[in-house]
Amino acid sequence: ASIIDSAEKERNVRVICVVTDDSLSRRP
């Protein structure tokens, strides 16, 4: 979760979760 959040917010990397999602991340 924290890695995905950091990727989206701090690095501006679009994260696409396939098959399942990370429900703990705060990304939109």
mmCIF file of all heavy atoms, coordinates in Angstrom:
data_MODEL
# 
_entry.id   MODEL 
# 
loop_
_atom_site.group_PDB 
_atom_site.id 
_atom_site.type_symbol 
_atom_site.label_atom_id 
_atom_site.label_alt_id 
_atom_site.label_comp_id 
_atom_site.label_asym_id 
_atom_site.label_entity_id 
_atom_site.label_seq_id 
_atom_site.pdbx_PDB_ins_code 
_atom_site.Cartn_x 
_atom_site.Cartn_y 
_atom_site.Cartn_z 
_atom_site.occupancy 
_atom_site.B_iso_or_equiv 
_atom_site.pdbx_formal_charge 
_atom_site.auth_seq_id 
_atom_site.auth_comp_id 
_atom_site.auth_asym_id 
_atom_site.auth_atom_id 
_atom_site.pdbx_PDB_model_num 
ATOM 1   N N   . ALA A 1 1  ? 0.822  -1.227  0.000   1.00 0.00 ? 1  ALA A N   1 
ATOM 2   C CA  . ALA A 1 1  ? 0.000  0.000   0.000   1.00 0.00 ? 1  ALA A CA  1 
ATOM 3   C C   . ALA A 1 1  ? 0.846  1.264   0.000   1.00 0.00 ? 1  ALA A C   1 
ATOM 4   O O   . ALA A 1 1  ? 0.610  2.173   -0.793  1.00 0.00 ? 1  ALA A O   1 
ATOM 5   C CB  . ALA A 1 1  ? -0.959 -0.012  1.187   1.00 0.00 ? 1  ALA A CB  1 
ATOM 6   N N   . SER A 1 2  ? 1.842  1.328   0.869   1.00 0.00 ? 2  SER A N   1 
ATOM 7   C CA  . SER A 1 2  ? 2.648  2.552   0.942   1.00 0.00 ? 2  SER A CA  1 
ATOM 8   C C   . SER A 1 2  ? 3.483  2.745   -0.327  1.00 0.00 ? 2  SER A C   1 
ATOM 9   O O   . SER A 1 2  ? 3.687  3.871   -0.773  1.00 0.00 ? 2  SER A O   1 
ATOM 10  C CB  . SER A 1 2  ? 3.553  2.534   2.177   1.00 0.00 ? 2  SER A CB  1 
ATOM 11  O OG  . SER A 1 2  ? 4.483  1.478   2.088   1.00 0.00 ? 2  SER A OG  1 
ATOM 12  N N   . ILE A 1 3  ? 3.942  1.654   -0.922  1.00 0.00 ? 3  ILE A N   1 
ATOM 13  C CA  . ILE A 1 3  ? 4.719  1.758   -2.162  1.00 0.00 ? 3  ILE A CA  1 
ATOM 14  C C   . ILE A 1 3  ? 3.832  2.257   -3.300  1.00 0.00 ? 3  ILE A C   1 
ATOM 15  O O   . ILE A 1 3  ? 4.224  3.124   -4.076  1.00 0.00 ? 3  ILE A O   1 
ATOM 16  C CB  . ILE A 1 3  ? 5.350  0.400   -2.527  1.00 0.00 ? 3  ILE A CB  1 
ATOM 17  C CG1 . ILE A 1 3  ? 6.364  -0.014  -1.453  1.00 0.00 ? 3  ILE A CG1 1 
ATOM 18  C CG2 . ILE A 1 3  ? 6.020  0.450   -3.892  1.00 0.00 ? 3  ILE A CG2 1 
ATOM 19  C CD1 . ILE A 1 3  ? 6.875  -1.429  -1.600  1.00 0.00 ? 3  ILE A CD1 1 
ATOM 20  N N   . ILE A 1 4  ? 2.627  1.719   -3.396  1.00 0.00 ? 4  ILE A N   1 
ATOM 21  C CA  . ILE A 1 4  ? 1.692  2.141   -4.440  1.00 0.00 ? 4  ILE A CA  1 
ATOM 22  C C   . ILE A 1 4  ? 1.297  3.601   -4.243  1.00 0.00 ? 4  ILE A C   1 
ATOM 23  O O   . ILE A 1 4  ? 1.276  4.383   -5.195  1.00 0.00 ? 4  ILE A O   1 
ATOM 24  C CB  . ILE A 1 4  ? 0.461  1.210   -4.485  1.00 0.00 ? 4  ILE A CB  1 
ATOM 25  C CG1 . ILE A 1 4  ? 0.885  -0.159  -5.043  1.00 0.00 ? 4  ILE A CG1 1 
ATOM 26  C CG2 . ILE A 1 4  ? -0.663 1.821   -5.315  1.00 0.00 ? 4  ILE A CG2 1 
ATOM 27  C CD1 . ILE A 1 4  ? -0.196 -1.223  -4.993  1.00 0.00 ? 4  ILE A CD1 1 
ATOM 28  N N   . ASP A 1 5  ? 1.010  3.974   -2.993  1.00 0.00 ? 5  ASP A N   1 
ATOM 29  C CA  . ASP A 1 5  ? 0.668  5.376   -2.716  1.00 0.00 ? 5  ASP A CA  1 
ATOM 30  C C   . ASP A 1 5  ? 1.818  6.303   -3.090  1.00 0.00 ? 5  ASP A C   1 
ATOM 31  O O   . ASP A 1 5  ? 1.609  7.354   -3.705  1.00 0.00 ? 5  ASP A O   1 
ATOM 32  C CB  . ASP A 1 5  ? 0.304  5.561   -1.243  1.00 0.00 ? 5  ASP A CB  1 
ATOM 33  C CG  . ASP A 1 5  ? -1.038 4.960   -0.884  1.00 0.00 ? 5  ASP A CG  1 
ATOM 34  O OD1 . ASP A 1 5  ? -1.845 4.693   -1.796  1.00 0.00 ? 5  ASP A OD1 1 
ATOM 35  O OD2 . ASP A 1 5  ? -1.283 4.752   0.320   1.00 0.00 ? 5  ASP A OD2 1 
ATOM 36  N N   . SER A 1 6  ? 3.034  5.917   -2.738  1.00 0.00 ? 6  SER A N   1 
ATOM 37  C CA  . SER A 1 6  ? 4.211  6.729   -3.055  1.00 0.00 ? 6  SER A CA  1 
ATOM 38  C C   . SER A 1 6  ? 4.406  6.834   -4.558  1.00 0.00 ? 6  SER A C   1 
ATOM 39  O O   . SER A 1 6  ? 4.743  7.906   -5.077  1.00 0.00 ? 6  SER A O   1 
ATOM 40  C CB  . SER A 1 6  ? 5.449  6.111   -2.404  1.00 0.00 ? 6  SER A CB  1 
ATOM 41  O OG  . SER A 1 6  ? 6.617  6.737   -2.866  1.00 0.00 ? 6  SER A OG  1 
ATOM 42  N N   . ALA A 1 7  ? 4.198  5.741   -5.267  1.00 0.00 ? 7  ALA A N   1 
ATOM 43  C CA  . ALA A 1 7  ? 4.348  5.762   -6.721  1.00 0.00 ? 7  ALA A CA  1 
ATOM 44  C C   . ALA A 1 7  ? 3.393  6.774   -7.342  1.00 0.00 ? 7  ALA A C   1 
ATOM 45  O O   . ALA A 1 7  ? 3.782  7.572   -8.195  1.00 0.00 ? 7  ALA A O   1 
ATOM 46  C CB  . ALA A 1 7  ? 4.091  4.369   -7.295  1.00 0.00 ? 7  ALA A CB  1 
ATOM 47  N N   . GLU A 1 8  ? 2.137  6.731   -6.902  1.00 0.00 ? 8  GLU A N   1 
ATOM 48  C CA  . GLU A 1 8  ? 1.117  7.629   -7.463  1.00 0.00 ? 8  GLU A CA  1 
ATOM 49  C C   . GLU A 1 8  ? 1.360  9.080   -7.075  1.00 0.00 ? 8  GLU A C   1 
ATOM 50  O O   . GLU A 1 8  ? 1.373  9.958   -7.929  1.00 0.00 ? 8  GLU A O   1 
ATOM 51  C CB  . GLU A 1 8  ? -0.277 7.199   -6.981  1.00 0.00 ? 8  GLU A CB  1 
ATOM 52  C CG  . GLU A 1 8  ? -0.771 5.912   -7.591  1.00 0.00 ? 8  GLU A CG  1 
ATOM 53  C CD  . GLU A 1 8  ? -1.659 6.126   -8.796  1.00 0.00 ? 8  GLU A CD  1 
ATOM 54  O OE1 . GLU A 1 8  ? -2.206 7.228   -8.956  1.00 0.00 ? 8  GLU A OE1 1 
ATOM 55  O OE2 . GLU A 1 8  ? -1.821 5.171   -9.567  1.00 0.00 ? 8  GLU A OE2 1 
ATOM 56  N N   . LYS A 1 9  ? 1.560  9.337   -5.786  1.00 0.00 ? 9  LYS A N   1 
ATOM 57  C CA  . LYS A 1 9  ? 1.591  10.722  -5.293  1.00 0.00 ? 9  LYS A CA  1 
ATOM 58  C C   . LYS A 1 9  ? 2.948  11.388  -5.449  1.00 0.00 ? 9  LYS A C   1 
ATOM 59  O O   . LYS A 1 9  ? 3.034  12.539  -5.845  1.00 0.00 ? 9  LYS A O   1 
ATOM 60  C CB  . LYS A 1 9  ? 1.163  10.748  -3.828  1.00 0.00 ? 9  LYS A CB  1 
ATOM 61  C CG  . LYS A 1 9  ? -0.306 10.441  -3.639  1.00 0.00 ? 9  LYS A CG  1 
ATOM 62  C CD  . LYS A 1 9  ? -0.712 10.599  -2.183  1.00 0.00 ? 9  LYS A CD  1 
ATOM 63  C CE  . LYS A 1 9  ? -2.190 10.435  -2.019  1.00 0.00 ? 9  LYS A CE  1 
ATOM 64  N NZ  . LYS A 1 9  ? -2.616 9.108   -1.733  1.00 0.00 ? 9  LYS A NZ  1 
ATOM 65  N N   . GLU A 1 10 ? 4.017  10.683  -5.112  1.00 0.00 ? 10 GLU A N   1 
ATOM 66  C CA  . GLU A 1 10 ? 5.336  11.306  -5.094  1.00 0.00 ? 10 GLU A CA  1 
ATOM 67  C C   . GLU A 1 10 ? 6.086  11.173  -6.410  1.00 0.00 ? 10 GLU A C   1 
ATOM 68  O O   . GLU A 1 10 ? 6.872  12.035  -6.778  1.00 0.00 ? 10 GLU A O   1 
ATOM 69  C CB  . GLU A 1 10 ? 6.175  10.715  -3.960  1.00 0.00 ? 10 GLU A CB  1 
ATOM 70  C CG  . GLU A 1 10 ? 5.581  11.008  -2.594  1.00 0.00 ? 10 GLU A CG  1 
ATOM 71  C CD  . GLU A 1 10 ? 6.229  10.201  -1.481  1.00 0.00 ? 10 GLU A CD  1 
ATOM 72  O OE1 . GLU A 1 10 ? 7.362  9.714   -1.672  1.00 0.00 ? 10 GLU A OE1 1 
ATOM 73  O OE2 . GLU A 1 10 ? 5.594  10.055  -0.428  1.00 0.00 ? 10 GLU A OE2 1 
ATOM 74  N N   . ARG A 1 11 ? 5.852  10.093  -7.139  1.00 0.00 ? 11 ARG A N   1 
ATOM 75  C CA  . ARG A 1 11 ? 6.597  9.862   -8.374  1.00 0.00 ? 11 ARG A CA  1 
ATOM 76  C C   . ARG A 1 11 ? 5.755  10.067  -9.626  1.00 0.00 ? 11 ARG A C   1 
ATOM 77  O O   . ARG A 1 11 ? 6.248  9.953   -10.727 1.00 0.00 ? 11 ARG A O   1 
ATOM 78  C CB  . ARG A 1 11 ? 7.170  8.445   -8.392  1.00 0.00 ? 11 ARG A CB  1 
ATOM 79  C CG  . ARG A 1 11 ? 8.178  8.202   -7.295  1.00 0.00 ? 11 ARG A CG  1 
ATOM 80  C CD  . ARG A 1 11 ? 8.638  6.762   -7.355  1.00 0.00 ? 11 ARG A CD  1 
ATOM 81  N NE  . ARG A 1 11 ? 9.523  6.430   -6.278  1.00 0.00 ? 11 ARG A NE  1 
ATOM 82  C CZ  . ARG A 1 11 ? 10.765 6.025   -6.431  1.00 0.00 ? 11 ARG A CZ  1 
ATOM 83  N NH1 . ARG A 1 11 ? 11.271 5.910   -7.634  1.00 0.00 ? 11 ARG A NH1 1 
ATOM 84  N NH2 . ARG A 1 11 ? 11.502 5.727   -5.394  1.00 0.00 ? 11 ARG A NH2 1 
ATOM 85  N N   . ASN A 1 12 ? 4.464  10.311  -9.438  1.00 0.00 ? 12 ASN A N   1 
ATOM 86  C CA  . ASN A 1 12 ? 3.538  10.512  -10.557 1.00 0.00 ? 12 ASN A CA  1 
ATOM 87  C C   . ASN A 1 12 ? 3.528  9.317   -11.520 1.00 0.00 ? 12 ASN A C   1 
ATOM 88  O O   . ASN A 1 12 ? 3.490  9.478   -12.726 1.00 0.00 ? 12 ASN A O   1 
ATOM 89  C CB  . ASN A 1 12 ? 3.852  11.805  -11.300 1.00 0.00 ? 12 ASN A CB  1 
ATOM 90  C CG  . ASN A 1 12 ? 2.673  12.280  -12.118 1.00 0.00 ? 12 ASN A CG  1 
ATOM 91  O OD1 . ASN A 1 12 ? 1.522  12.020  -11.778 1.00 0.00 ? 12 ASN A OD1 1 
ATOM 92  N ND2 . ASN A 1 12 ? 2.949  12.959  -13.204 1.00 0.00 ? 12 ASN A ND2 1 
ATOM 93  N N   . VAL A 1 13 ? 3.583  8.118   -10.943 1.00 0.00 ? 13 VAL A N   1 
ATOM 94  C CA  . VAL A 1 13 ? 3.530  6.879   -11.716 1.00 0.00 ? 13 VAL A CA  1 
ATOM 95  C C   . VAL A 1 13 ? 2.112  6.341   -11.617 1.00 0.00 ? 13 VAL A C   1 
ATOM 96  O O   . VAL A 1 13 ? 1.588  6.127   -10.515 1.00 0.00 ? 13 VAL A O   1 
ATOM 97  C CB  . VAL A 1 13 ? 4.530  5.833   -11.169 1.00 0.00 ? 13 VAL A CB  1 
ATOM 98  C CG1 . VAL A 1 13 ? 4.332  4.476   -11.844 1.00 0.00 ? 13 VAL A CG1 1 
ATOM 99  C CG2 . VAL A 1 13 ? 5.958  6.319   -11.358 1.00 0.00 ? 13 VAL A CG2 1 
ATOM 100 N N   . ARG A 1 14 ? 1.481  6.136   -12.742 1.00 0.00 ? 14 ARG A N   1 
ATOM 101 C CA  . ARG A 1 14 ? 0.110  5.589   -12.773 1.00 0.00 ? 14 ARG A CA  1 
ATOM 102 C C   . ARG A 1 14 ? 0.179  4.099   -12.472 1.00 0.00 ? 14 ARG A C   1 
ATOM 103 O O   . ARG A 1 14 ? 0.904  3.363   -13.136 1.00 0.00 ? 14 ARG A O   1 
ATOM 104 C CB  . ARG A 1 14 ? -0.512 5.836   -14.142 1.00 0.00 ? 14 ARG A CB  1 
ATOM 105 C CG  . ARG A 1 14 ? -1.930 5.368   -14.248 1.00 0.00 ? 14 ARG A CG  1 
ATOM 106 C CD  . ARG A 1 14 ? -2.818 6.233   -13.367 1.00 0.00 ? 14 ARG A CD  1 
ATOM 107 N NE  . ARG A 1 14 ? -4.191 5.897   -13.627 1.00 0.00 ? 14 ARG A NE  1 
ATOM 108 C CZ  . ARG A 1 14 ? -5.054 5.578   -12.682 1.00 0.00 ? 14 ARG A CZ  1 
ATOM 109 N NH1 . ARG A 1 14 ? -4.682 5.571   -11.427 1.00 0.00 ? 14 ARG A NH1 1 
ATOM 110 N NH2 . ARG A 1 14 ? -6.290 5.306   -12.989 1.00 0.00 ? 14 ARG A NH2 1 
ATOM 111 N N   . VAL A 1 15 ? -0.549 3.650   -11.463 1.00 0.00 ? 15 VAL A N   1 
ATOM 112 C CA  . VAL A 1 15 ? -0.546 2.248   -11.051 1.00 0.00 ? 15 VAL A CA  1 
ATOM 113 C C   . VAL A 1 15 ? -1.854 1.587   -11.486 1.00 0.00 ? 15 VAL A C   1 
ATOM 114 O O   . VAL A 1 15 ? -2.935 2.071   -11.163 1.00 0.00 ? 15 VAL A O   1 
ATOM 115 C CB  . VAL A 1 15 ? -0.360 2.099   -9.527  1.00 0.00 ? 15 VAL A CB  1 
ATOM 116 C CG1 . VAL A 1 15 ? -0.403 0.636   -9.122  1.00 0.00 ? 15 VAL A CG1 1 
ATOM 117 C CG2 . VAL A 1 15 ? 0.946  2.749   -9.075  1.00 0.00 ? 15 VAL A CG2 1 
ATOM 118 N N   . ILE A 1 16 ? -1.717 0.499   -12.224 1.00 0.00 ? 16 ILE A N   1 
ATOM 119 C CA  . ILE A 1 16 ? -2.879 -0.262  -12.679 1.00 0.00 ? 16 ILE A CA  1 
ATOM 120 C C   . ILE A 1 16 ? -2.810 -1.627  -12.023 1.00 0.00 ? 16 ILE A C   1 
ATOM 121 O O   . ILE A 1 16 ? -1.866 -2.385  -12.256 1.00 0.00 ? 16 ILE A O   1 
ATOM 122 C CB  . ILE A 1 16 ? -2.895 -0.426  -14.221 1.00 0.00 ? 16 ILE A CB  1 
ATOM 123 C CG1 . ILE A 1 16 ? -2.965 0.941   -14.908 1.00 0.00 ? 16 ILE A CG1 1 
ATOM 124 C CG2 . ILE A 1 16 ? -4.057 -1.297  -14.661 1.00 0.00 ? 16 ILE A CG2 1 
ATOM 125 C CD1 . ILE A 1 16 ? -1.656 1.414   -15.407 1.00 0.00 ? 16 ILE A CD1 1 
ATOM 126 N N   . CYS A 1 17 ? -3.778 -1.911  -11.155 1.00 0.00 ? 17 CYS A N   1 
ATOM 127 C CA  . CYS A 1 17 ? -3.832 -3.211  -10.490 1.00 0.00 ? 17 CYS A CA  1 
ATOM 128 C C   . CYS A 1 17 ? -4.709 -4.143  -11.329 1.00 0.00 ? 17 CYS A C   1 
ATOM 129 O O   . CYS A 1 17 ? -5.814 -3.782  -11.704 1.00 0.00 ? 17 CYS A O   1 
ATOM 130 C CB  . CYS A 1 17 ? -4.413 -3.081  -9.086  1.00 0.00 ? 17 CYS A CB  1 
ATOM 131 S SG  . CYS A 1 17 ? -3.350 -2.140  -7.966  1.00 0.00 ? 17 CYS A SG  1 
ATOM 132 N N   . VAL A 1 18 ? -4.184 -5.325  -11.627 1.00 0.00 ? 18 VAL A N   1 
ATOM 133 C CA  . VAL A 1 18 ? -4.932 -6.297  -12.410 1.00 0.00 ? 18 VAL A CA  1 
ATOM 134 C C   . VAL A 1 18 ? -5.215 -7.519  -11.555 1.00 0.00 ? 18 VAL A C   1 
ATOM 135 O O   . VAL A 1 18 ? -4.444 -7.868  -10.681 1.00 0.00 ? 18 VAL A O   1 
ATOM 136 C CB  . VAL A 1 18 ? -4.190 -6.698  -13.708 1.00 0.00 ? 18 VAL A CB  1 
ATOM 137 C CG1 . VAL A 1 18 ? -4.111 -5.536  -14.662 1.00 0.00 ? 18 VAL A CG1 1 
ATOM 138 C CG2 . VAL A 1 18 ? -2.812 -7.242  -13.425 1.00 0.00 ? 18 VAL A CG2 1 
ATOM 139 N N   . VAL A 1 19 ? -6.327 -8.137  -11.802 1.00 0.00 ? 19 VAL A N   1 
ATOM 140 C CA  . VAL A 1 19 ? -6.812 -9.340  -11.126 1.00 0.00 ? 19 VAL A CA  1 
ATOM 141 C C   . VAL A 1 19 ? -7.360 -9.007  -9.749  1.00 0.00 ? 19 VAL A C   1 
ATOM 142 O O   . VAL A 1 19 ? -8.449 -9.399  -9.393  1.00 0.00 ? 19 VAL A O   1 
ATOM 143 C CB  . VAL A 1 19 ? -5.752 -10.456 -11.041 1.00 0.00 ? 19 VAL A CB  1 
ATOM 144 C CG1 . VAL A 1 19 ? -6.317 -11.687 -10.382 1.00 0.00 ? 19 VAL A CG1 1 
ATOM 145 C CG2 . VAL A 1 19 ? -5.176 -10.764 -12.395 1.00 0.00 ? 19 VAL A CG2 1 
ATOM 146 N N   . THR A 1 20 ? -6.610 -8.240  -8.968  1.00 0.00 ? 20 THR A N   1 
ATOM 147 C CA  . THR A 1 20 ? -7.044 -7.823  -7.641  1.00 0.00 ? 20 THR A CA  1 
ATOM 148 C C   . THR A 1 20 ? -6.540 -6.407  -7.411  1.00 0.00 ? 20 THR A C   1 
ATOM 149 O O   . THR A 1 20 ? -5.675 -5.933  -8.133  1.00 0.00 ? 20 THR A O   1 
ATOM 150 C CB  . THR A 1 20 ? -6.522 -8.779  -6.542  1.00 0.00 ? 20 THR A CB  1 
ATOM 151 O OG1 . THR A 1 20 ? -7.067 -8.399  -5.287  1.00 0.00 ? 20 THR A OG1 1 
ATOM 152 C CG2 . THR A 1 20 ? -5.008 -8.757  -6.468  1.00 0.00 ? 20 THR A CG2 1 
ATOM 153 N N   . ASP A 1 21 ? -7.060 -5.738  -6.409  1.00 0.00 ? 21 ASP A N   1 
ATOM 154 C CA  . ASP A 1 21 ? -6.630 -4.377  -6.115  1.00 0.00 ? 21 ASP A CA  1 
ATOM 155 C C   . ASP A 1 21 ? -5.977 -4.354  -4.745  1.00 0.00 ? 21 ASP A C   1 
ATOM 156 O O   . ASP A 1 21 ? -6.113 -5.288  -3.963  1.00 0.00 ? 21 ASP A O   1 
ATOM 157 C CB  . ASP A 1 21 ? -7.821 -3.421  -6.144  1.00 0.00 ? 21 ASP A CB  1 
ATOM 158 C CG  . ASP A 1 21 ? -7.395 -1.959  -6.253  1.00 0.00 ? 21 ASP A CG  1 
ATOM 159 O OD1 . ASP A 1 21 ? -6.179 -1.696  -6.367  1.00 0.00 ? 21 ASP A OD1 1 
ATOM 160 O OD2 . ASP A 1 21 ? -8.270 -1.086  -6.221  1.00 0.00 ? 21 ASP A OD2 1 
ATOM 161 N N   . ASP A 1 22 ? -5.276 -3.290  -4.457  1.00 0.00 ? 22 ASP A N   1 
ATOM 162 C CA  . ASP A 1 22 ? -4.713 -3.083  -3.129  1.00 0.00 ? 22 ASP A CA  1 
ATOM 163 C C   . ASP A 1 22 ? -5.677 -2.169  -2.387  1.00 0.00 ? 22 ASP A C   1 
ATOM 164 O O   . ASP A 1 22 ? -5.617 -0.961  -2.493  1.00 0.00 ? 22 ASP A O   1 
ATOM 165 C CB  . ASP A 1 22 ? -3.325 -2.462  -3.221  1.00 0.00 ? 22 ASP A CB  1 
ATOM 166 C CG  . ASP A 1 22 ? -2.627 -2.423  -1.872  1.00 0.00 ? 22 ASP A CG  1 
ATOM 167 O OD1 . ASP A 1 22 ? -3.331 -2.444  -0.834  1.00 0.00 ? 22 ASP A OD1 1 
ATOM 168 O OD2 . ASP A 1 22 ? -1.394 -2.385  -1.856  1.00 0.00 ? 22 ASP A OD2 1 
ATOM 169 N N   . SER A 1 23 ? -6.581 -2.777  -1.649  1.00 0.00 ? 23 SER A N   1 
ATOM 170 C CA  . SER A 1 23 ? -7.628 -2.010  -0.971  1.00 0.00 ? 23 SER A CA  1 
ATOM 171 C C   . SER A 1 23 ? -7.077 -1.139  0.141   1.00 0.00 ? 23 SER A C   1 
ATOM 172 O O   . SER A 1 23 ? -7.773 -0.254  0.635   1.00 0.00 ? 23 SER A O   1 
ATOM 173 C CB  . SER A 1 23 ? -8.687 -2.965  -0.410  1.00 0.00 ? 23 SER A CB  1 
ATOM 174 O OG  . SER A 1 23 ? -8.072 -3.865  0.501   1.00 0.00 ? 23 SER A OG  1 
ATOM 175 N N   . LEU A 1 24 ? -5.842 -1.331  0.548   1.00 0.00 ? 24 LEU A N   1 
ATOM 176 C CA  . LEU A 1 24 ? -5.248 -0.527  1.607   1.00 0.00 ? 24 LEU A CA  1 
ATOM 177 C C   . LEU A 1 24 ? -4.584 0.739   1.082   1.00 0.00 ? 24 LEU A C   1 
ATOM 178 O O   . LEU A 1 24 ? -4.274 1.641   1.852   1.00 0.00 ? 24 LEU A O   1 
ATOM 179 C CB  . LEU A 1 24 ? -4.232 -1.364  2.395   1.00 0.00 ? 24 LEU A CB  1 
ATOM 180 C CG  . LEU A 1 24 ? -4.800 -2.608  3.067   1.00 0.00 ? 24 LEU A CG  1 
ATOM 181 C CD1 . LEU A 1 24 ? -3.685 -3.418  3.715   1.00 0.00 ? 24 LEU A CD1 1 
ATOM 182 C CD2 . LEU A 1 24 ? -5.861 -2.233  4.089   1.00 0.00 ? 24 LEU A CD2 1 
ATOM 183 N N   . SER A 1 25 ? -4.337 0.814   -0.219  1.00 0.00 ? 25 SER A N   1 
ATOM 184 C CA  . SER A 1 25 ? -3.711 2.028   -0.762  1.00 0.00 ? 25 SER A CA  1 
ATOM 185 C C   . SER A 1 25 ? -4.758 3.134   -0.825  1.00 0.00 ? 25 SER A C   1 
ATOM 186 O O   . SER A 1 25 ? -5.951 2.872   -0.822  1.00 0.00 ? 25 SER A O   1 
ATOM 187 C CB  . SER A 1 25 ? -3.111 1.773   -2.150  1.00 0.00 ? 25 SER A CB  1 
ATOM 188 O OG  . SER A 1 25 ? -4.126 1.743   -3.115  1.00 0.00 ? 25 SER A OG  1 
ATOM 189 N N   . ARG A 1 26 ? -4.271 4.346   -0.892  1.00 0.00 ? 26 ARG A N   1 
ATOM 190 C CA  . ARG A 1 26 ? -5.183 5.498   -0.901  1.00 0.00 ? 26 ARG A CA  1 
ATOM 191 C C   . ARG A 1 26 ? -5.334 6.105   -2.293  1.00 0.00 ? 26 ARG A C   1 
ATOM 192 O O   . ARG A 1 26 ? -5.849 7.188   -2.447  1.00 0.00 ? 26 ARG A O   1 
ATOM 193 C CB  . ARG A 1 26 ? -4.668 6.563   0.062   1.00 0.00 ? 26 ARG A CB  1 
ATOM 194 C CG  . ARG A 1 26 ? -4.741 6.113   1.498   1.00 0.00 ? 26 ARG A CG  1 
ATOM 195 C CD  . ARG A 1 26 ? -4.416 7.283   2.426   1.00 0.00 ? 26 ARG A CD  1 
ATOM 196 N NE  . ARG A 1 26 ? -4.772 6.981   3.776   1.00 0.00 ? 26 ARG A NE  1 
ATOM 197 C CZ  . ARG A 1 26 ? -3.932 6.466   4.663   1.00 0.00 ? 26 ARG A CZ  1 
ATOM 198 N NH1 . ARG A 1 26 ? -2.708 6.184   4.311   1.00 0.00 ? 26 ARG A NH1 1 
ATOM 199 N NH2 . ARG A 1 26 ? -4.323 6.228   5.900   1.00 0.00 ? 26 ARG A NH2 1 
ATOM 200 N N   . ARG A 1 27 ? -4.849 5.407   -3.311  1.00 0.00 ? 27 ARG A N   1 
ATOM 201 C CA  . ARG A 1 27 ? -4.910 5.961   -4.661  1.00 0.00 ? 27 ARG A CA  1 
ATOM 202 C C   . ARG A 1 27 ? -6.351 5.979   -5.138  1.00 0.00 ? 27 ARG A C   1 
ATOM 203 O O   . ARG A 1 27 ? -7.159 5.153   -4.762  1.00 0.00 ? 27 ARG A O   1 
ATOM 204 C CB  . ARG A 1 27 ? -4.025 5.175   -5.621  1.00 0.00 ? 27 ARG A CB  1 
ATOM 205 C CG  . ARG A 1 27 ? -4.514 3.786   -5.889  1.00 0.00 ? 27 ARG A CG  1 
ATOM 206 C CD  . ARG A 1 27 ? -3.501 3.003   -6.709  1.00 0.00 ? 27 ARG A CD  1 
ATOM 207 N NE  . ARG A 1 27 ? -4.008 1.689   -6.973  1.00 0.00 ? 27 ARG A NE  1 
ATOM 208 C CZ  . ARG A 1 27 ? -4.881 1.389   -7.924  1.00 0.00 ? 27 ARG A CZ  1 
ATOM 209 N NH1 . ARG A 1 27 ? -5.295 2.326   -8.736  1.00 0.00 ? 27 ARG A NH1 1 
ATOM 210 N NH2 . ARG A 1 27 ? -5.315 0.172   -8.096  1.00 0.00 ? 27 ARG A NH2 1 
ATOM 211 N N   . PRO A 1 28 ? -6.664 6.930   -6.018  1.00 0.00 ? 28 PRO A N   1 
ATOM 212 C CA  . PRO A 1 28 ? -8.043 6.990   -6.564  1.00 0.00 ? 28 PRO A CA  1 
ATOM 213 C C   . PRO A 1 28 ? -8.267 5.812   -7.487  1.00 0.00 ? 28 PRO A C   1 
ATOM 214 O O   . PRO A 1 28 ? -7.378 5.360   -8.195  1.00 0.00 ? 28 PRO A O   1 
ATOM 215 C CB  . PRO A 1 28 ? -8.055 8.307   -7.328  1.00 0.00 ? 28 PRO A CB  1 
ATOM 216 C CG  . PRO A 1 28 ? -6.635 8.625   -7.608  1.00 0.00 ? 28 PRO A CG  1 
ATOM 217 C CD  . PRO A 1 28 ? -5.827 8.004   -6.510  1.00 0.00 ? 28 PRO A CD  1 
# 
